[in-house]
Amino acid sequence: MIERKGDWLSARVGEEIMMMSPERGKYIGMNEVGARIWDMIETPKDAATLYAELQREFAVSPEECEAEVDAFLAEMEKHGAIHRT
């Protein structure tokens, strides 16, 4: 399961999201797809659910979707914004 973690504040700027962690002193900007993933994990989800929903919403192959989502999640985990169980 993938869930949000920490004290991250977020605000929409068009279709993108800007995030800030006062605790960590970090800022993150997300494009439309990253913003959509962030919205989707407001309630914990498994990776397979994320892949399936994103493939329905965006024109992307299953392989590309999984690779891009996994890379995004790894980056978010590195910043302490998500937790995977």
PDB file of N, CA and C in Angstrom:
ATOM      1  N   MET A   1       0.838  -1.180   0.000  1.00  0.00           N
ATOM      2  CA  MET A   1       0.000   0.000   0.000  1.00  0.00           C
ATOM      3  C   MET A   1       0.883   1.244   0.000  1.00  0.00           C
ATOM      4  N   ILE A   2       0.393   2.257  -0.672  1.00  0.00           N
ATOM      5  CA  ILE A   2       1.105   3.528  -0.767  1.00  0.00           C
ATOM      6  C   ILE A   2       0.246   4.575  -0.088  1.00  0.00           C
ATOM      7  N   GLU A   3       0.856   5.311   0.846  1.00  0.00           N
ATOM      8  CA  GLU A   3       0.097   6.333   1.554  1.00  0.00           C
ATOM      9  C   GLU A   3       0.957   7.574   1.780  1.00  0.00           C
ATOM     10  N   ARG A   4       0.286   8.680   1.951  1.00  0.00           N
ATOM     11  CA  ARG A   4       0.978   9.933   2.243  1.00  0.00           C
ATOM     12  C   ARG A   4       1.612   9.854   3.628  1.00  0.00           C
ATOM     13  N   LYS A   5       2.679  10.626   3.805  1.00  0.00           N
ATOM     14  CA  LYS A   5       3.404  10.609   5.063  1.00  0.00           C
ATOM     15  C   LYS A   5       3.909  12.015   5.366  1.00  0.00           C
ATOM     16  N   GLY A   6       3.960  12.364   6.620  1.00  0.00           N
ATOM     17  CA  GLY A   6       4.588  13.607   7.033  1.00  0.00           C
ATOM     18  C   GLY A   6       3.643  14.785   7.058  1.00  0.00           C
ATOM     19  N   ASP A   7       4.240  15.945   7.159  1.00  0.00           N
ATOM     20  CA  ASP A   7       3.498  17.198   7.350  1.00  0.00           C
ATOM     21  C   ASP A   7       3.422  18.030   6.070  1.00  0.00           C
ATOM     22  N   TRP A   8       3.379  17.399   4.920  1.00  0.00           N
ATOM     23  CA  TRP A   8       3.425  18.106   3.645  1.00  0.00           C
ATOM     24  C   TRP A   8       2.175  18.955   3.424  1.00  0.00           C
ATOM     25  N   LEU A   9       2.407  20.202   3.094  1.00  0.00           N
ATOM     26  CA  LEU A   9       1.335  21.123   2.705  1.00  0.00           C
ATOM     27  C   LEU A   9       1.342  21.185   1.184  1.00  0.00           C
ATOM     28  N   SER A  10       0.173  21.269   0.574  1.00  0.00           N
ATOM     29  CA  SER A  10       0.134  21.322  -0.880  1.00  0.00           C
ATOM     30  C   SER A  10      -0.871  22.358  -1.360  1.00  0.00           C
ATOM     31  N   ALA A  11      -0.568  22.914  -2.525  1.00  0.00           N
ATOM     32  CA  ALA A  11      -1.455  23.901  -3.145  1.00  0.00           C
ATOM     33  C   ALA A  11      -1.413  23.700  -4.650  1.00  0.00           C
ATOM     34  N   ARG A  12      -2.567  23.788  -5.269  1.00  0.00           N
ATOM     35  CA  ARG A  12      -2.663  23.666  -6.731  1.00  0.00           C
ATOM     36  C   ARG A  12      -2.264  24.971  -7.390  1.00  0.00           C
ATOM     37  N   VAL A  13      -1.539  24.819  -8.487  1.00  0.00           N
ATOM     38  CA  VAL A  13      -1.166  25.930  -9.357  1.00  0.00           C
ATOM     39  C   VAL A  13      -1.506  25.446 -10.756  1.00  0.00           C
ATOM     40  N   GLY A  14      -2.707  25.783 -11.220  1.00  0.00           N
ATOM     41  CA  GLY A  14      -3.189  25.232 -12.482  1.00  0.00           C
ATOM     42  C   GLY A  14      -3.437  23.750 -12.292  1.00  0.00           C
ATOM     43  N   GLU A  15      -2.829  22.930 -13.145  1.00  0.00           N
ATOM     44  CA  GLU A  15      -2.976  21.484 -13.028  1.00  0.00           C
ATOM     45  C   GLU A  15      -1.833  20.854 -12.239  1.00  0.00           C
ATOM     46  N   GLU A  16      -0.909  21.672 -11.768  1.00  0.00           N
ATOM     47  CA  GLU A  16       0.239  21.181 -11.016  1.00  0.00           C
ATOM     48  C   GLU A  16       0.021  21.401  -9.517  1.00  0.00           C
ATOM     49  N   ILE A  17       0.873  20.774  -8.719  1.00  0.00           N
ATOM     50  CA  ILE A  17       0.826  20.953  -7.270  1.00  0.00           C
ATOM     51  C   ILE A  17       2.212  21.364  -6.793  1.00  0.00           C
ATOM     52  N   MET A  18       2.239  22.335  -5.906  1.00  0.00           N
ATOM     53  CA  MET A  18       3.459  22.717  -5.207  1.00  0.00           C
ATOM     54  C   MET A  18       3.303  22.224  -3.774  1.00  0.00           C
ATOM     55  N   MET A  19       4.344  21.575  -3.267  1.00  0.00           N
ATOM     56  CA  MET A  19       4.296  21.028  -1.918  1.00  0.00           C
ATOM     57  C   MET A  19       5.453  21.567  -1.098  1.00  0.00           C
ATOM     58  N   MET A  20       5.211  21.655   0.225  1.00  0.00           N
ATOM     59  CA  MET A  20       6.238  22.122   1.132  1.00  0.00           C
ATOM     60  C   MET A  20       6.146  21.325   2.429  1.00  0.00           C
ATOM     61  N   SER A  21       7.298  20.962   2.962  1.00  0.00           N
ATOM     62  CA  SER A  21       7.364  20.321   4.262  1.00  0.00           C
ATOM     63  C   SER A  21       8.071  21.271   5.215  1.00  0.00           C
ATOM     64  N   PRO A  22       7.317  21.933   6.098  1.00  0.00           N
ATOM     65  CA  PRO A  22       7.966  22.830   7.059  1.00  0.00           C
ATOM     66  C   PRO A  22       8.974  22.091   7.945  1.00  0.00           C
ATOM     67  N   GLU A  23       8.654  20.858   8.290  1.00  0.00           N
ATOM     68  CA  GLU A  23       9.520  20.055   9.152  1.00  0.00           C
ATOM     69  C   GLU A  23      10.867  19.782   8.493  1.00  0.00           C
ATOM     70  N   ARG A  24      10.841  19.483   7.197  1.00  0.00           N
ATOM     71  CA  ARG A  24      12.062  19.133   6.475  1.00  0.00           C
ATOM     72  C   ARG A  24      12.683  20.320   5.740  1.00  0.00           C
ATOM     73  N   GLY A  25      11.930  21.404   5.582  1.00  0.00           N
ATOM     74  CA  GLY A  25      12.426  22.543   4.833  1.00  0.00           C
ATOM     75  C   GLY A  25      12.595  22.246   3.358  1.00  0.00           C
ATOM     76  N   LYS A  26      11.713  21.401   2.798  1.00  0.00           N
ATOM     77  CA  LYS A  26      11.812  21.009   1.393  1.00  0.00           C
ATOM     78  C   LYS A  26      10.588  21.470   0.622  1.00  0.00           C
ATOM     79  N   TYR A  27      10.818  21.700  -0.673  1.00  0.00           N
ATOM     80  CA  TYR A  27       9.755  22.046  -1.611  1.00  0.00           C
ATOM     81  C   TYR A  27       9.782  21.040  -2.751  1.00  0.00           C
ATOM     82  N   ILE A  28       8.597  20.693  -3.241  1.00  0.00           N
ATOM     83  CA  ILE A  28       8.493  19.792  -4.391  1.00  0.00           C
ATOM     84  C   ILE A  28       7.418  20.347  -5.316  1.00  0.00           C
ATOM     85  N   GLY A  29       7.698  20.341  -6.605  1.00  0.00           N
ATOM     86  CA  GLY A  29       6.696  20.698  -7.608  1.00  0.00           C
ATOM     87  C   GLY A  29       6.314  19.453  -8.390  1.00  0.00           C
ATOM     88  N   MET A  30       5.036  19.294  -8.650  1.00  0.00           N
ATOM     89  CA  MET A  30       4.559  18.119  -9.386  1.00  0.00           C
ATOM     90  C   MET A  30       3.813  18.549 -10.631  1.00  0.00           C
ATOM     91  N   ASN A  31       4.047  17.827 -11.720  1.00  0.00           N
ATOM     92  CA  ASN A  31       3.297  18.070 -12.943  1.00  0.00           C
ATOM     93  C   ASN A  31       1.888  17.484 -12.803  1.00  0.00           C
ATOM     94  N   GLU A  32       1.127  17.508 -13.861  1.00  0.00           N
ATOM     95  CA  GLU A  32      -0.265  17.043 -13.840  1.00  0.00           C
ATOM     96  C   GLU A  32      -0.385  15.588 -13.395  1.00  0.00           C
ATOM     97  N   VAL A  33       0.500  14.729 -13.888  1.00  0.00           N
ATOM     98  CA  VAL A  33       0.423  13.309 -13.537  1.00  0.00           C
ATOM     99  C   VAL A  33       0.824  13.098 -12.076  1.00  0.00           C
ATOM    100  N   GLY A  34       1.889  13.738 -11.647  1.00  0.00           N
ATOM    101  CA  GLY A  34       2.289  13.646 -10.247  1.00  0.00           C
ATOM    102  C   GLY A  34       1.197  14.163  -9.321  1.00  0.00           C
ATOM    103  N   ALA A  35       0.567  15.268  -9.727  1.00  0.00           N
ATOM    104  CA  ALA A  35      -0.538  15.826  -8.939  1.00  0.00           C
ATOM    105  C   ALA A  35      -1.691  14.838  -8.857  1.00  0.00           C
ATOM    106  N   ARG A  36      -1.949  14.149  -9.956  1.00  0.00           N
ATOM    107  CA  ARG A  36      -3.039  13.163  -9.960  1.00  0.00           C
ATOM    108  C   ARG A  36      -2.718  11.998  -9.023  1.00  0.00           C
ATOM    109  N   ILE A  37      -1.474  11.536  -9.035  1.00  0.00           N
ATOM    110  CA  ILE A  37      -1.072  10.462  -8.131  1.00  0.00           C
ATOM    111  C   ILE A  37      -1.219  10.922  -6.688  1.00  0.00           C
ATOM    112  N   TRP A  38      -0.785  12.142  -6.391  1.00  0.00           N
ATOM    113  CA  TRP A  38      -0.899  12.674  -5.030  1.00  0.00           C
ATOM    114  C   TRP A  38      -2.361  12.697  -4.587  1.00  0.00           C
ATOM    115  N   ASP A  39      -3.228  13.132  -5.478  1.00  0.00           N
ATOM    116  CA  ASP A  39      -4.667  13.129  -5.166  1.00  0.00           C
ATOM    117  C   ASP A  39      -5.164  11.706  -4.908  1.00  0.00           C
ATOM    118  N   MET A  40      -4.715  10.774  -5.746  1.00  0.00           N
ATOM    119  CA  MET A  40      -5.191   9.395  -5.643  1.00  0.00           C
ATOM    120  C   MET A  40      -4.783   8.729  -4.332  1.00  0.00           C
ATOM    121  N   ILE A  41      -3.626   9.083  -3.796  1.00  0.00           N
ATOM    122  CA  ILE A  41      -3.172   8.435  -2.567  1.00  0.00           C
ATOM    123  C   ILE A  41      -3.589   9.193  -1.310  1.00  0.00           C
ATOM    124  N   GLU A  42      -4.573  10.084  -1.461  1.00  0.00           N
ATOM    125  CA  GLU A  42      -5.140  10.714  -0.267  1.00  0.00           C
ATOM    126  C   GLU A  42      -5.671   9.615   0.655  1.00  0.00           C
ATOM    127  N   THR A  43      -6.207   8.564   0.048  1.00  0.00           N
ATOM    128  CA  THR A  43      -6.506   7.330   0.771  1.00  0.00           C
ATOM    129  C   THR A  43      -5.529   6.288   0.242  1.00  0.00           C
ATOM    130  N   PRO A  44      -4.950   5.469   1.119  1.00  0.00           N
ATOM    131  CA  PRO A  44      -3.937   4.504   0.678  1.00  0.00           C
ATOM    132  C   PRO A  44      -4.431   3.617  -0.465  1.00  0.00           C
ATOM    133  N   LYS A  45      -3.532   3.375  -1.406  1.00  0.00           N
ATOM    134  CA  LYS A  45      -3.830   2.544  -2.573  1.00  0.00           C
ATOM    135  C   LYS A  45      -2.640   1.632  -2.836  1.00  0.00           C
ATOM    136  N   ASP A  46      -2.885   0.521  -3.502  1.00  0.00           N
ATOM    137  CA  ASP A  46      -1.765  -0.318  -3.922  1.00  0.00           C
ATOM    138  C   ASP A  46      -1.308   0.129  -5.309  1.00  0.00           C
ATOM    139  N   ALA A  47      -0.098  -0.260  -5.665  1.00  0.00           N
ATOM    140  CA  ALA A  47       0.487   0.173  -6.932  1.00  0.00           C
ATOM    141  C   ALA A  47      -0.340  -0.289  -8.128  1.00  0.00           C
ATOM    142  N   ALA A  48      -0.872  -1.497  -8.090  1.00  0.00           N
ATOM    143  CA  ALA A  48      -1.658  -2.013  -9.214  1.00  0.00           C
ATOM    144  C   ALA A  48      -2.880  -1.135  -9.482  1.00  0.00           C
ATOM    145  N   THR A  49      -3.506  -0.642  -8.433  1.00  0.00           N
ATOM    146  CA  THR A  49      -4.660   0.251  -8.588  1.00  0.00           C
ATOM    147  C   THR A  49      -4.232   1.565  -9.220  1.00  0.00           C
ATOM    148  N   LEU A  50      -3.099   2.108  -8.786  1.00  0.00           N
ATOM    149  CA  LEU A  50      -2.589   3.352  -9.385  1.00  0.00           C
ATOM    150  C   LEU A  50      -2.323   3.156 -10.876  1.00  0.00           C
ATOM    151  N   TYR A  51      -1.624   2.070 -11.221  1.00  0.00           N
ATOM    152  CA  TYR A  51      -1.319   1.805 -12.633  1.00  0.00           C
ATOM    153  C   TYR A  51      -2.605   1.748 -13.460  1.00  0.00           C
ATOM    154  N   ALA A  52      -3.573   0.977 -12.994  1.00  0.00           N
ATOM    155  CA  ALA A  52      -4.815   0.776 -13.755  1.00  0.00           C
ATOM    156  C   ALA A  52      -5.573   2.084 -13.938  1.00  0.00           C
ATOM    157  N   GLU A  53      -5.709   2.857 -12.878  1.00  0.00           N
ATOM    158  CA  GLU A  53      -6.452   4.118 -12.971  1.00  0.00           C
ATOM    159  C   GLU A  53      -5.743   5.111 -13.884  1.00  0.00           C
ATOM    160  N   LEU A  54      -4.420   5.205 -13.774  1.00  0.00           N
ATOM    161  CA  LEU A  54      -3.675   6.144 -14.620  1.00  0.00           C
ATOM    162  C   LEU A  54      -3.705   5.740 -16.087  1.00  0.00           C
ATOM    163  N   GLN A  55      -3.671   4.431 -16.367  1.00  0.00           N
ATOM    164  CA  GLN A  55      -3.751   3.980 -17.750  1.00  0.00           C
ATOM    165  C   GLN A  55      -5.104   4.308 -18.368  1.00  0.00           C
ATOM    166  N   ARG A  56      -6.150   4.315 -17.560  1.00  0.00           N
ATOM    167  CA  ARG A  56      -7.472   4.698 -18.072  1.00  0.00           C
ATOM    168  C   ARG A  56      -7.545   6.205 -18.346  1.00  0.00           C
ATOM    169  N   GLU A  57      -6.849   7.009 -17.547  1.00  0.00           N
ATOM    170  CA  GLU A  57      -6.939   8.466 -17.657  1.00  0.00           C
ATOM    171  C   GLU A  57      -5.955   9.076 -18.659  1.00  0.00           C
ATOM    172  N   PHE A  58      -4.801   8.448 -18.849  1.00  0.00           N
ATOM    173  CA  PHE A  58      -3.757   9.004 -19.704  1.00  0.00           C
ATOM    174  C   PHE A  58      -3.400   7.988 -20.801  1.00  0.00           C
ATOM    175  N   ALA A  59      -3.011   8.496 -21.937  1.00  0.00           N
ATOM    176  CA  ALA A  59      -2.597   7.633 -23.051  1.00  0.00           C
ATOM    177  C   ALA A  59      -1.168   7.164 -22.795  1.00  0.00           C
ATOM    178  N   VAL A  60      -1.051   6.010 -22.133  1.00  0.00           N
ATOM    179  CA  VAL A  60       0.262   5.487 -21.766  1.00  0.00           C
ATOM    180  C   VAL A  60       0.210   3.960 -21.784  1.00  0.00           C
ATOM    181  N   SER A  61       1.311   3.358 -22.219  1.00  0.00           N
ATOM    182  CA  SER A  61       1.380   1.892 -22.232  1.00  0.00           C
ATOM    183  C   SER A  61       1.547   1.381 -20.801  1.00  0.00           C
ATOM    184  N   PRO A  62       1.165   0.135 -20.550  1.00  0.00           N
ATOM    185  CA  PRO A  62       1.341  -0.421 -19.207  1.00  0.00           C
ATOM    186  C   PRO A  62       2.795  -0.374 -18.727  1.00  0.00           C
ATOM    187  N   GLU A  63       3.733  -0.684 -19.614  1.00  0.00           N
ATOM    188  CA  GLU A  63       5.148  -0.686 -19.234  1.00  0.00           C
ATOM    189  C   GLU A  63       5.640   0.714 -18.881  1.00  0.00           C
ATOM    190  N   GLU A  64       5.287   1.684 -19.705  1.00  0.00           N
ATOM    191  CA  GLU A  64       5.704   3.059 -19.446  1.00  0.00           C
ATOM    192  C   GLU A  64       5.052   3.585 -18.171  1.00  0.00           C
ATOM    193  N   CYS A  65       3.790   3.265 -17.979  1.00  0.00           N
ATOM    194  CA  CYS A  65       3.069   3.714 -16.791  1.00  0.00           C
ATOM    195  C   CYS A  65       3.740   3.181 -15.528  1.00  0.00           C
ATOM    196  N   GLU A  66       4.001   1.893 -15.497  1.00  0.00           N
ATOM    197  CA  GLU A  66       4.618   1.296 -14.313  1.00  0.00           C
ATOM    198  C   GLU A  66       5.996   1.886 -14.041  1.00  0.00           C
ATOM    199  N   ALA A  67       6.799   2.056 -15.083  1.00  0.00           N
ATOM    200  CA  ALA A  67       8.145   2.614 -14.913  1.00  0.00           C
ATOM    201  C   ALA A  67       8.089   4.045 -14.391  1.00  0.00           C
ATOM    202  N   GLU A  68       7.216   4.868 -14.978  1.00  0.00           N
ATOM    203  CA  GLU A  68       7.113   6.271 -14.568  1.00  0.00           C
ATOM    204  C   GLU A  68       6.537   6.412 -13.156  1.00  0.00           C
ATOM    205  N   VAL A  69       5.507   5.634 -12.853  1.00  0.00           N
ATOM    206  CA  VAL A  69       4.908   5.700 -11.520  1.00  0.00           C
ATOM    207  C   VAL A  69       5.911   5.232 -10.473  1.00  0.00           C
ATOM    208  N   ASP A  70       6.607   4.131 -10.754  1.00  0.00           N
ATOM    209  CA  ASP A  70       7.603   3.630  -9.809  1.00  0.00           C
ATOM    210  C   ASP A  70       8.708   4.643  -9.557  1.00  0.00           C
ATOM    211  N   ALA A  71       9.165   5.319 -10.615  1.00  0.00           N
ATOM    212  CA  ALA A  71      10.205   6.343 -10.460  1.00  0.00           C
ATOM    213  C   ALA A  71       9.676   7.513  -9.633  1.00  0.00           C
ATOM    214  N   PHE A  72       8.438   7.938  -9.895  1.00  0.00           N
ATOM    215  CA  PHE A  72       7.831   9.028  -9.138  1.00  0.00           C
ATOM    216  C   PHE A  72       7.710   8.650  -7.658  1.00  0.00           C
ATOM    217  N   LEU A  73       7.205   7.443  -7.394  1.00  0.00           N
ATOM    218  CA  LEU A  73       7.034   7.002  -6.011  1.00  0.00           C
ATOM    219  C   LEU A  73       8.365   6.888  -5.280  1.00  0.00           C
ATOM    220  N   ALA A  74       9.399   6.428  -5.968  1.00  0.00           N
ATOM    221  CA  ALA A  74      10.728   6.338  -5.358  1.00  0.00           C
ATOM    222  C   ALA A  74      11.228   7.725  -4.963  1.00  0.00           C
ATOM    223  N   GLU A  75      11.000   8.697  -5.830  1.00  0.00           N
ATOM    224  CA  GLU A  75      11.412  10.075  -5.527  1.00  0.00           C
ATOM    225  C   GLU A  75      10.624  10.633  -4.343  1.00  0.00           C
ATOM    226  N   MET A  76       9.336  10.380  -4.321  1.00  0.00           N
ATOM    227  CA  MET A  76       8.496  10.865  -3.212  1.00  0.00           C
ATOM    228  C   MET A  76       8.890  10.194  -1.898  1.00  0.00           C
ATOM    229  N   GLU A  77       9.230   8.926  -1.977  1.00  0.00           N
ATOM    230  CA  GLU A  77       9.665   8.207  -0.780  1.00  0.00           C
ATOM    231  C   GLU A  77      10.995   8.768  -0.275  1.00  0.00           C
ATOM    232  N   LYS A  78      11.883   9.096  -1.199  1.00  0.00           N
ATOM    233  CA  LYS A  78      13.182   9.676  -0.846  1.00  0.00           C
ATOM    234  C   LYS A  78      13.003  10.989  -0.082  1.00  0.00           C
ATOM    235  N   HIS A  79      11.995  11.761  -0.444  1.00  0.00           N
ATOM    236  CA  HIS A  79      11.711  13.043   0.219  1.00  0.00           C
ATOM    237  C   HIS A  79      10.861  12.877   1.474  1.00  0.00           C
ATOM    238  N   GLY A  80      10.440  11.655   1.779  1.00  0.00           N
ATOM    239  CA  GLY A  80       9.638  11.417   2.976  1.00  0.00           C
ATOM    240  C   GLY A  80       8.189  11.806   2.839  1.00  0.00           C
ATOM    241  N   ALA A  81       7.686  11.899   1.592  1.00  0.00           N
ATOM    242  CA  ALA A  81       6.300  12.318   1.369  1.00  0.00           C
ATOM    243  C   ALA A  81       5.325  11.146   1.325  1.00  0.00           C
ATOM    244  N   ILE A  82       5.852   9.929   1.101  1.00  0.00           N
ATOM    245  CA  ILE A  82       4.993   8.748   1.079  1.00  0.00           C
ATOM    246  C   ILE A  82       5.650   7.626   1.867  1.00  0.00           C
ATOM    247  N   HIS A  83       4.833   6.636   2.147  1.00  0.00           N
ATOM    248  CA  HIS A  83       5.294   5.431   2.819  1.00  0.00           C
ATOM    249  C   HIS A  83       4.676   4.248   2.085  1.00  0.00           C
ATOM    250  N   ARG A  84       5.484   3.223   1.824  1.00  0.00           N
ATOM    251  CA  ARG A  84       4.973   1.998   1.173  1.00  0.00           C
ATOM    252  C   ARG A  84       5.000   0.855   2.181  1.00  0.00           C
ATOM    253  N   THR A  85       3.897   0.143   2.228  1.00  0.00           N
ATOM    254  CA  THR A  85       3.845  -1.026   3.129  1.00  0.00           C
ATOM    255  C   THR A  85       3.608  -2.275   2.320  1.00  0.00           C
TER     256      THR A  85
END
